[in-house]
Amino acid sequence: MGVHEKNLKYNLTEIDYEFHYFIKNMSCRAVMRLPYSYRCQMAKQVGDCKRIINLFNYFRMMYCSIHIDNKTTEVLFMFLFSFICVAFLWLMSFNIGAYFSPVLKIISLKLHMNEYLAGVTLLAFGNCSPEIIANLMPVRADAPIFTIAVGNTLAIILLSGGTVCFLRPFKMNGHCTLRDLLFLLLGVEVLRFVMIKEGVVTMCEAIVLFFIYVVYVVINIADVIIMRFYIKKLRKEVDHLGNLTPPPTKELQAKLRTLTSLEVENDIQISDTTKYRRSRNSGNHFSDTTRTGYFVTPRPKERPEQVDHEANRTNLHNSENSKNLLLFTEFLHSLNPIDGEAWQLGGKCNRLYLIVRCPLVFVMLLFIPVVDFEKDKHGWSKLLNCTQIVTNPFVIITLVHCSCRGQCLSHLVHNPQHQHLDVVAVHNDPAGRSGLPAFTDGRSAVLSPIPW
């Protein structure tokens, strides 16, 4: 059947093609201005709604699955979605504290980094990777990315930095802080110059911006190497001064103080957080930090003891026992979403909180491997980890497949010549439906799928 015969069969006119072009280029935000009875159909037909949505199509959930038909129900579901966003934020926070941070410490320890170098490389990449992914999404195609990035940087420096300084006082390295601020100003000014100069950032200019960060990381690595070389030199000088008779006390003490401070900056250690964890679970941690008042910065406490991770790895090992001893008991204990220590030390509110978060914690325990030097056997659970070898690739492949499927549907919507798609046609509507696009001849658009 030719195109002309199809046009005769479905009585298509130029206005039908015009309305199809309108639907194809319509913004998904315009769906919210239509009557509730037409939002489901428009959410299915508008290509922009499929383009900006990734895994969850909220418009189809609200207006097709749940069938929202009034403002009150819509507002209630908006509050529900806000609560879900808060739950996801808590989930991310718990995931970082329980899984990401211990692994980051272990990687830094294995790569012989100090805390500062790990912060400007691994931690910085972990902080900015969600923002990079969000900026590449279609929903931010027309967003002011530069303004958003600068605003996020200011929020991190001023809000997060100020909060950390208030809650956890620490000694700042003046040289490192000055170097970081200079590189921050350099990056912002170079990007601003590139944008004002031509209006469009080319590939070469993007490489230059990326190269600035590479230079920054190289300088930090060189700084660590020079500091470690100076530490070795100081140790030799201290040994030499200690062997003199009589030893120069003042010079020796000055070099020892310098050596101690440099060794603290050079070393990264996994601290034993047992006391802090018990204080937090019992509720004493909050009262201790605010006992002197909210506007008084507490004095810094002594650093906690270092964890003997080799002892934690082998303290339950016995060569006389079988390799699969208590296999299922260990598996069930690893999947327990309630921390026994927190349950015993916590009050009623804390126990209620532990019960409420159980489903989310159980899902994370089921799919995320635990690697923590503070725990016995470093969090290893033989049966659970073997199960995760099978389940985790399956989950990742499923999520990637769903994401790719959504992108393919978006591509087909914007390229209808590759597939027979449902489009929106315009028919004569004697009732004169309100809320739909009206044309000059008095007709209104009635949504009906037709095959091309």
Protein backbone atom coordinates (compact mmCIF):
# COMPACT_ATOMS: atom_id res chain seq x y z
CA MET A 1 0.00 0.00 0.00
CA GLY A 2 1.50 3.32 -1.07
CA VAL A 3 1.66 6.50 0.93
CA HIS A 4 -1.12 8.09 -1.12
CA GLU A 5 -3.45 5.12 -0.52
CA LYS A 6 -2.69 5.26 3.22
CA ASN A 7 -3.53 8.94 3.25
CA LEU A 8 -6.86 8.24 1.58
CA LYS A 9 -7.64 5.35 3.92
CA TYR A 10 -7.01 7.32 7.10
CA ASN A 11 -8.19 10.64 5.64
CA LEU A 12 -4.89 12.37 6.46
CA THR A 13 -4.41 16.00 5.59
CA GLU A 14 -1.64 18.54 5.86
CA ILE A 15 -2.87 19.45 9.32
CA ASP A 16 -2.36 15.83 10.39
CA TYR A 17 1.27 16.01 9.32
CA GLU A 18 1.59 19.38 11.00
CA PHE A 19 0.23 17.96 14.24
CA HIS A 20 2.57 14.97 13.96
CA TYR A 21 5.48 17.40 13.63
CA PHE A 22 4.14 19.27 16.65
CA ILE A 23 4.05 16.07 18.74
CA LYS A 24 7.51 15.09 17.59
CA ASN A 25 9.03 18.40 18.69
CA MET A 26 6.83 19.00 21.72
CA SER A 27 8.45 19.39 25.13
CA CYS A 28 7.49 16.88 27.78
CA ARG A 29 6.83 19.72 30.22
CA ALA A 30 3.88 20.77 28.08
CA VAL A 31 2.07 17.58 29.08
CA MET A 32 1.50 19.06 32.53
CA ARG A 33 -0.61 21.85 31.00
CA LEU A 34 -3.10 19.47 29.40
CA PRO A 35 -6.27 18.10 31.04
CA TYR A 36 -5.71 14.95 33.09
CA SER A 37 -7.73 12.77 30.70
CA TYR A 38 -5.26 13.39 27.86
CA ARG A 39 -1.97 13.26 29.73
CA CYS A 40 -1.56 9.49 29.52
CA GLN A 41 -1.92 9.44 25.75
CA MET A 42 0.36 12.41 25.32
CA ALA A 43 2.98 10.90 27.64
CA LYS A 44 3.05 7.87 25.36
CA GLN A 45 3.19 9.85 22.12
CA VAL A 46 5.52 12.76 22.90
CA GLY A 47 9.05 11.78 21.96
CA ASP A 48 10.69 14.13 24.43
CA CYS A 49 9.13 12.20 27.35
CA LYS A 50 10.84 9.02 26.17
CA ARG A 51 14.10 10.83 25.51
CA ILE A 52 14.59 12.44 28.93
CA ILE A 53 13.37 9.43 30.95
CA ASN A 54 15.84 6.64 31.69
CA LEU A 55 14.63 3.64 33.69
CA PHE A 56 11.43 5.01 35.24
CA ASN A 57 8.86 6.84 33.13
CA TYR A 58 7.20 8.91 35.83
CA PHE A 59 4.61 10.41 33.49
CA ARG A 60 3.31 7.00 32.44
CA MET A 61 3.40 5.81 36.05
CA MET A 62 1.32 8.76 37.23
CA TYR A 63 -1.18 9.16 34.41
CA CYS A 64 -1.38 5.67 32.83
CA SER A 65 -0.74 3.20 35.64
CA ILE A 66 -2.07 5.13 38.65
CA HIS A 67 -4.60 7.19 36.60
CA ILE A 68 -4.25 10.49 38.42
CA ASP A 69 -7.23 12.66 37.51
CA ASN A 70 -7.18 15.58 39.97
CA LYS A 71 -4.81 18.07 41.53
CA THR A 72 -5.04 16.70 45.07
CA THR A 73 -3.95 13.21 44.07
CA GLU A 74 -1.18 14.67 41.97
CA VAL A 75 0.18 16.69 44.90
CA LEU A 76 0.03 13.64 47.18
CA PHE A 77 2.03 11.59 44.71
CA MET A 78 4.53 14.43 44.41
CA PHE A 79 5.05 14.19 48.16
CA LEU A 80 5.43 10.43 47.78
CA PHE A 81 8.08 10.90 45.11
CA SER A 82 9.84 13.42 47.36
CA PHE A 83 9.88 10.83 50.14
CA ILE A 84 11.33 8.30 47.71
CA CYS A 85 14.05 10.81 46.79
CA VAL A 86 14.92 11.21 50.47
CA ALA A 87 15.03 7.42 50.80
CA PHE A 88 17.41 7.23 47.85
CA LEU A 89 19.62 9.90 49.43
CA TRP A 90 19.74 7.90 52.66
CA LEU A 91 20.46 4.77 50.63
CA MET A 92 23.37 6.50 48.93
CA SER A 93 24.69 7.78 52.26
CA PHE A 94 24.49 4.33 53.86
CA ASN A 95 26.07 2.74 50.81
CA ILE A 96 29.00 5.16 50.92
CA GLY A 97 29.56 4.69 54.64
CA ALA A 98 29.20 0.91 54.70
CA TYR A 99 30.70 -0.15 51.36
CA PHE A 100 32.43 2.63 49.43
CA SER A 101 34.55 4.23 52.17
CA PRO A 102 36.14 0.98 53.48
CA VAL A 103 37.04 -0.09 49.95
CA LEU A 104 38.45 3.36 49.20
CA LYS A 105 40.70 3.12 52.26
CA ILE A 106 41.89 -0.33 51.21
CA ILE A 107 42.67 0.82 47.66
CA SER A 108 44.58 3.83 49.00
CA LEU A 109 46.51 1.57 51.35
CA LYS A 110 47.42 -0.87 48.58
CA LEU A 111 48.50 1.96 46.25
CA HIS A 112 50.67 3.50 49.02
CA MET A 113 48.81 6.81 48.89
CA ASN A 114 48.49 9.30 51.67
CA GLU A 115 45.14 10.75 52.67
CA TYR A 116 45.59 13.92 50.64
CA LEU A 117 46.52 12.15 47.40
CA ALA A 118 43.63 9.72 47.84
CA GLY A 119 41.31 12.68 48.35
CA VAL A 120 42.30 14.52 45.16
CA THR A 121 42.15 11.36 43.01
CA LEU A 122 39.91 8.52 44.18
CA LEU A 123 37.59 10.52 46.40
CA ALA A 124 37.36 13.39 43.91
CA PHE A 125 36.44 10.98 41.13
CA GLY A 126 33.81 9.35 43.32
CA ASN A 127 32.30 12.73 44.13
CA CYS A 128 32.20 14.08 40.59
CA SER A 129 31.24 10.91 38.68
CA PRO A 130 27.49 11.21 39.51
CA GLU A 131 27.57 14.83 38.37
CA ILE A 132 29.33 13.87 35.13
CA ILE A 133 26.74 11.17 34.41
CA ALA A 134 23.89 13.57 35.19
CA ASN A 135 25.33 16.23 32.88
CA LEU A 136 25.47 13.73 30.02
CA MET A 137 21.80 12.81 30.37
CA PRO A 138 19.28 14.23 27.87
CA VAL A 139 17.35 15.96 30.65
CA ARG A 140 20.29 18.39 31.01
CA ALA A 141 20.80 18.91 27.30
CA ASP A 142 19.78 22.58 27.52
CA ALA A 143 20.81 23.19 31.13
CA PRO A 144 23.48 25.77 32.10
CA ILE A 145 26.13 23.17 32.94
CA PHE A 146 28.86 25.71 33.72
CA THR A 147 26.68 27.59 36.19
CA ILE A 148 25.58 24.35 37.83
CA ALA A 149 29.18 23.15 38.16
CA VAL A 150 30.35 26.43 39.71
CA GLY A 151 27.36 26.43 42.07
CA ASN A 152 28.10 22.87 43.18
CA THR A 153 31.74 23.78 43.77
CA LEU A 154 30.77 26.74 45.92
CA ALA A 155 28.32 24.61 47.89
CA ILE A 156 30.97 21.96 48.55
CA ILE A 157 33.62 24.49 49.57
CA LEU A 158 31.43 26.75 51.70
CA LEU A 159 28.60 24.58 53.01
CA SER A 160 30.25 21.17 53.28
CA GLY A 161 33.64 22.58 54.21
CA GLY A 162 32.16 24.86 56.85
CA THR A 163 30.11 22.03 58.33
CA VAL A 164 33.15 19.77 58.53
CA CYS A 165 35.21 22.50 60.19
CA PHE A 166 32.44 23.03 62.74
CA LEU A 167 31.86 19.37 63.58
CA ARG A 168 35.35 17.92 63.13
CA PRO A 169 38.14 20.46 63.61
CA PHE A 170 41.36 19.58 61.87
CA LYS A 171 44.68 21.11 60.96
CA MET A 172 44.91 22.38 57.39
CA ASN A 173 48.08 22.33 55.36
CA GLY A 174 48.58 25.90 54.20
CA HIS A 175 50.72 25.04 51.18
CA CYS A 176 48.31 22.39 49.89
CA THR A 177 45.28 24.62 50.44
CA LEU A 178 46.89 27.50 48.56
CA ARG A 179 47.87 25.21 45.69
CA ASP A 180 44.33 23.81 45.42
CA LEU A 181 42.75 27.26 45.38
CA LEU A 182 45.15 28.46 42.69
CA PHE A 183 44.33 25.47 40.48
CA LEU A 184 40.62 26.03 41.09
CA LEU A 185 40.90 29.66 39.99
CA LEU A 186 43.02 28.64 37.01
CA GLY A 187 40.48 26.08 35.82
CA VAL A 188 37.51 28.43 36.21
CA GLU A 189 39.24 31.33 34.47
CA VAL A 190 40.48 29.19 31.57
CA LEU A 191 36.99 27.78 31.02
CA ARG A 192 35.47 31.26 31.26
CA PHE A 193 37.99 32.60 28.73
CA VAL A 194 37.23 29.77 26.30
CA MET A 195 33.47 30.29 26.56
CA ILE A 196 33.64 34.07 26.12
CA LYS A 197 36.17 33.91 23.29
CA GLU A 198 34.20 31.76 20.84
CA GLY A 199 31.02 30.71 22.58
CA VAL A 200 31.61 27.03 21.82
CA VAL A 201 34.21 24.79 23.45
CA THR A 202 36.16 22.81 20.85
CA MET A 203 37.77 19.41 21.32
CA CYS A 204 41.27 20.89 21.63
CA GLU A 205 40.12 23.33 24.29
CA ALA A 206 38.42 20.50 26.18
CA ILE A 207 41.69 18.56 26.09
CA VAL A 208 43.48 21.61 27.52
CA LEU A 209 40.97 21.78 30.38
CA PHE A 210 41.41 18.07 31.06
CA PHE A 211 45.19 18.49 30.90
CA ILE A 212 45.02 21.08 33.70
CA TYR A 213 43.58 18.43 36.01
CA VAL A 214 46.25 15.94 34.88
CA VAL A 215 48.95 18.49 35.74
CA TYR A 216 47.29 19.05 39.11
CA VAL A 217 47.37 15.31 39.89
CA VAL A 218 50.97 14.99 38.71
CA ILE A 219 52.02 17.86 40.97
CA ASN A 220 50.32 16.18 43.92
CA ILE A 221 52.08 12.89 43.17
CA ALA A 222 55.41 14.69 42.89
CA ASP A 223 54.72 16.42 46.20
CA VAL A 224 54.17 13.05 47.90
CA ILE A 225 57.38 11.65 46.40
CA ILE A 226 59.40 14.67 47.52
CA MET A 227 57.87 14.51 51.00
CA ARG A 228 58.78 10.84 51.37
CA PHE A 229 62.30 11.53 50.18
CA TYR A 230 62.57 14.30 52.78
CA ILE A 231 61.24 11.93 55.48
CA LYS A 232 64.01 9.45 54.71
CA LYS A 233 66.54 12.25 54.87
CA LEU A 234 65.19 13.44 58.23
CA ARG A 235 65.36 9.92 59.65
CA LYS A 236 69.02 9.66 58.72
CA GLU A 237 69.71 13.05 60.29
CA VAL A 238 67.85 12.09 63.47
CA ASP A 239 69.84 8.86 63.71
CA HIS A 240 73.06 10.76 63.16
CA LEU A 241 72.23 13.39 65.80
CA GLY A 242 71.19 10.68 68.24
CA ASN A 243 74.58 8.99 67.95
CA LEU A 244 76.48 12.16 68.83
CA THR A 245 77.81 12.64 72.35
CA PRO A 246 76.39 14.79 73.74
CA PRO A 247 73.42 14.99 71.32
CA PRO A 248 72.16 18.47 70.34
CA THR A 249 68.86 18.37 72.21
CA LYS A 250 67.13 21.40 70.68
CA GLU A 251 68.02 20.54 67.10
CA LEU A 252 67.09 16.91 67.65
CA GLN A 253 63.70 17.78 69.13
CA ALA A 254 62.94 20.19 66.28
CA LYS A 255 63.74 17.56 63.68
CA LEU A 256 61.70 14.96 65.56
CA ARG A 257 58.65 17.27 65.61
CA THR A 258 59.01 17.90 61.89
CA LEU A 259 59.47 14.19 61.22
CA THR A 260 56.42 13.27 63.29
CA SER A 261 54.16 15.77 61.52
CA LEU A 262 55.36 14.63 58.09
CA GLU A 263 54.85 10.97 58.97
CA VAL A 264 51.27 11.71 60.01
CA GLU A 265 50.63 13.39 56.65
CA ASN A 266 52.41 10.64 54.74
CA ASP A 267 50.73 7.67 56.33
CA ILE A 268 47.19 6.48 55.69
CA GLN A 269 45.83 4.17 58.32
CA ILE A 270 42.59 2.31 58.86
CA SER A 271 41.42 3.43 62.26
CA ASP A 272 39.48 1.33 64.73
CA THR A 273 36.02 2.91 64.87
CA THR A 274 34.61 0.59 67.54
CA LYS A 275 34.39 3.29 70.21
CA TYR A 276 32.86 5.81 67.83
CA ARG A 277 30.36 3.26 66.53
CA ARG A 278 29.25 2.24 70.02
CA SER A 279 28.97 5.87 71.11
CA ARG A 280 26.84 6.65 68.05
CA ASN A 281 24.58 3.63 68.52
CA SER A 282 23.99 4.43 72.18
CA GLY A 283 23.21 8.09 71.45
CA ASN A 284 26.11 9.49 73.48
CA HIS A 285 28.00 10.77 70.45
CA PHE A 286 25.46 13.50 69.67
CA SER A 287 25.25 14.63 73.28
CA ASP A 288 29.04 14.74 73.61
CA THR A 289 29.47 16.91 70.52
CA THR A 290 26.80 19.39 71.61
CA ARG A 291 27.41 19.42 75.35
CA THR A 292 29.40 22.65 75.19
CA GLY A 293 26.84 24.33 72.93
CA TYR A 294 25.98 24.41 69.26
CA PHE A 295 28.16 27.44 68.56
CA VAL A 296 31.29 26.15 70.27
CA THR A 297 33.63 24.00 68.22
CA PRO A 298 34.62 20.90 70.22
CA ARG A 299 38.26 20.23 70.91
CA PRO A 300 39.85 17.59 68.71
CA LYS A 301 40.26 14.21 70.34
CA GLU A 302 43.12 11.80 70.02
CA ARG A 303 43.29 9.73 66.87
CA PRO A 304 41.85 6.22 67.29
CA GLU A 305 44.07 3.19 67.27
CA GLN A 306 45.09 1.59 64.02
CA VAL A 307 43.42 -1.63 62.93
CA ASP A 308 45.57 -4.74 62.67
CA HIS A 309 43.99 -5.93 59.42
CA GLU A 310 46.18 -9.02 59.16
CA ALA A 311 44.99 -10.21 62.57
CA ASN A 312 41.35 -9.54 61.61
CA ARG A 313 41.79 -11.63 58.49
CA THR A 314 43.05 -14.74 60.28
CA ASN A 315 41.71 -14.50 63.84
CA LEU A 316 38.91 -17.03 63.14
CA HIS A 317 41.06 -19.38 61.10
CA ASN A 318 41.90 -22.83 62.40
CA SER A 319 43.59 -25.35 60.16
CA GLU A 320 41.98 -28.24 62.06
CA ASN A 321 38.44 -27.17 61.12
CA SER A 322 36.80 -28.09 57.84
CA LYS A 323 36.70 -25.47 55.10
CA ASN A 324 32.89 -25.34 55.04
CA LEU A 325 32.34 -25.24 58.78
CA LEU A 326 29.27 -23.14 59.70
CA LEU A 327 28.82 -22.25 56.03
CA PHE A 328 25.06 -21.62 56.14
CA THR A 329 25.24 -20.00 59.58
CA GLU A 330 27.78 -17.52 58.24
CA PHE A 331 25.58 -16.95 55.18
CA LEU A 332 22.49 -16.14 57.25
CA HIS A 333 24.50 -13.95 59.60
CA SER A 334 25.86 -11.99 56.62
CA LEU A 335 22.32 -11.35 55.35
CA ASN A 336 21.03 -10.10 58.70
CA PRO A 337 19.96 -6.48 58.01
CA ILE A 338 19.87 -5.56 61.72
CA ASP A 339 23.15 -4.79 63.43
CA GLY A 340 23.15 -6.74 66.69
CA GLU A 341 25.41 -4.28 68.49
CA ALA A 342 23.29 -1.30 67.42
CA TRP A 343 20.14 -3.14 68.52
CA GLN A 344 21.52 -3.82 72.00
CA LEU A 345 22.91 -0.32 72.57
CA GLY A 346 20.12 1.66 70.92
CA GLY A 347 16.86 2.87 72.39
CA LYS A 348 13.32 2.45 71.09
CA CYS A 349 13.65 5.07 68.36
CA ASN A 350 16.93 3.63 67.15
CA ARG A 351 15.48 0.12 67.07
CA LEU A 352 12.46 1.36 65.13
CA TYR A 353 14.85 3.00 62.68
CA LEU A 354 16.74 -0.29 62.29
CA ILE A 355 13.48 -2.13 61.56
CA VAL A 356 12.28 0.43 59.00
CA ARG A 357 15.51 0.35 57.03
CA CYS A 358 15.65 -3.47 56.94
CA PRO A 359 14.32 -3.98 53.37
CA LEU A 360 16.79 -1.55 51.81
CA VAL A 361 19.73 -2.86 53.84
CA PHE A 362 18.83 -6.45 52.94
CA VAL A 363 18.87 -5.66 49.21
CA MET A 364 22.30 -4.04 49.52
CA LEU A 365 23.67 -6.95 51.55
CA LEU A 366 22.36 -9.34 48.93
CA PHE A 367 24.09 -7.68 45.97
CA ILE A 368 27.02 -5.59 47.25
CA PRO A 369 30.16 -7.44 48.41
CA VAL A 370 31.52 -6.34 51.77
CA VAL A 371 35.27 -5.69 52.01
CA ASP A 372 36.19 -4.09 55.33
CA PHE A 373 39.48 -4.52 57.16
CA GLU A 374 37.79 -3.71 60.49
CA LYS A 375 35.60 -6.82 60.35
CA ASP A 376 36.51 -10.42 61.00
CA LYS A 377 37.69 -12.16 57.82
CA HIS A 378 37.43 -8.69 56.24
CA GLY A 379 33.69 -9.21 55.75
CA TRP A 380 34.18 -12.38 53.71
CA SER A 381 31.21 -14.74 53.49
CA LYS A 382 31.97 -17.70 51.26
CA LEU A 383 28.47 -18.68 50.21
CA LEU A 384 27.19 -15.12 49.86
CA ASN A 385 30.16 -13.96 47.78
CA CYS A 386 29.84 -17.00 45.51
CA THR A 387 26.17 -16.15 45.03
CA GLN A 388 27.04 -12.55 44.18
CA ILE A 389 29.33 -13.75 41.40
CA VAL A 390 26.18 -14.98 39.63
CA THR A 391 23.57 -12.43 40.69
CA ASN A 392 25.54 -9.20 40.23
CA PRO A 393 26.33 -9.66 36.50
CA PHE A 394 22.69 -10.61 35.93
CA VAL A 395 21.46 -7.43 37.62
CA ILE A 396 23.96 -5.25 35.74
CA ILE A 397 23.08 -6.80 32.37
CA THR A 398 19.37 -6.32 33.08
CA LEU A 399 19.81 -2.65 33.98
CA VAL A 400 21.99 -2.01 30.94
CA HIS A 401 19.46 -3.77 28.73
CA CYS A 402 16.61 -1.65 30.10
CA SER A 403 18.63 1.52 29.63
CA CYS A 404 19.61 0.61 26.07
CA ARG A 405 16.03 -0.31 25.27
CA GLY A 406 14.87 3.11 26.42
CA GLN A 407 17.51 4.80 24.28
CA CYS A 408 16.52 2.70 21.25
CA LEU A 409 12.87 3.66 21.70
CA SER A 410 13.89 7.30 21.91
CA HIS A 411 15.91 6.91 18.70
CA LEU A 412 12.95 5.34 16.91
CA VAL A 413 10.65 8.12 18.06
CA HIS A 414 12.96 10.71 16.55
CA ASN A 415 13.54 8.60 13.41
CA PRO A 416 10.13 7.19 12.45
CA GLN A 417 11.36 6.04 9.04
CA HIS A 418 13.15 3.17 10.79
CA GLN A 419 10.05 1.70 12.35
CA HIS A 420 6.26 1.72 12.06
CA LEU A 421 5.27 3.98 14.93
CA ASP A 422 2.02 5.09 16.45
CA VAL A 423 1.48 8.77 15.77
CA VAL A 424 -1.21 11.21 16.62
CA ALA A 425 -3.79 12.05 14.01
CA VAL A 426 -6.24 14.91 13.82
CA HIS A 427 -9.89 14.13 13.24
CA ASN A 428 -13.00 16.19 13.10
CA ASP A 429 -14.43 16.48 16.58
CA PRO A 430 -17.95 17.83 16.53
CA ALA A 431 -18.02 17.97 20.31
CA GLY A 432 -15.15 20.44 20.29
CA ARG A 433 -12.98 18.93 23.00
CA SER A 434 -11.31 21.55 25.16
CA GLY A 435 -7.69 21.51 26.19
CA LEU A 436 -6.39 20.06 22.90
CA PRO A 437 -4.60 22.03 20.18
CA ALA A 438 -7.14 23.82 18.04
CA PHE A 439 -6.66 24.72 14.39
CA THR A 440 -7.90 27.54 12.21
CA ASP A 441 -10.72 25.52 10.67
CA GLY A 442 -12.38 24.91 14.03
CA ARG A 443 -11.20 21.33 14.48
CA SER A 444 -9.49 20.09 17.61
CA ALA A 445 -6.90 17.38 17.93
CA VAL A 446 -8.22 14.00 18.98
CA LEU A 447 -5.57 11.52 20.01
CA SER A 448 -5.74 8.24 18.15
CA PRO A 449 -2.93 5.93 17.12
CA ILE A 450 -2.63 5.13 13.43
CA PRO A 451 0.00 3.02 11.66
CA TRP A 452 2.06 4.53 8.89
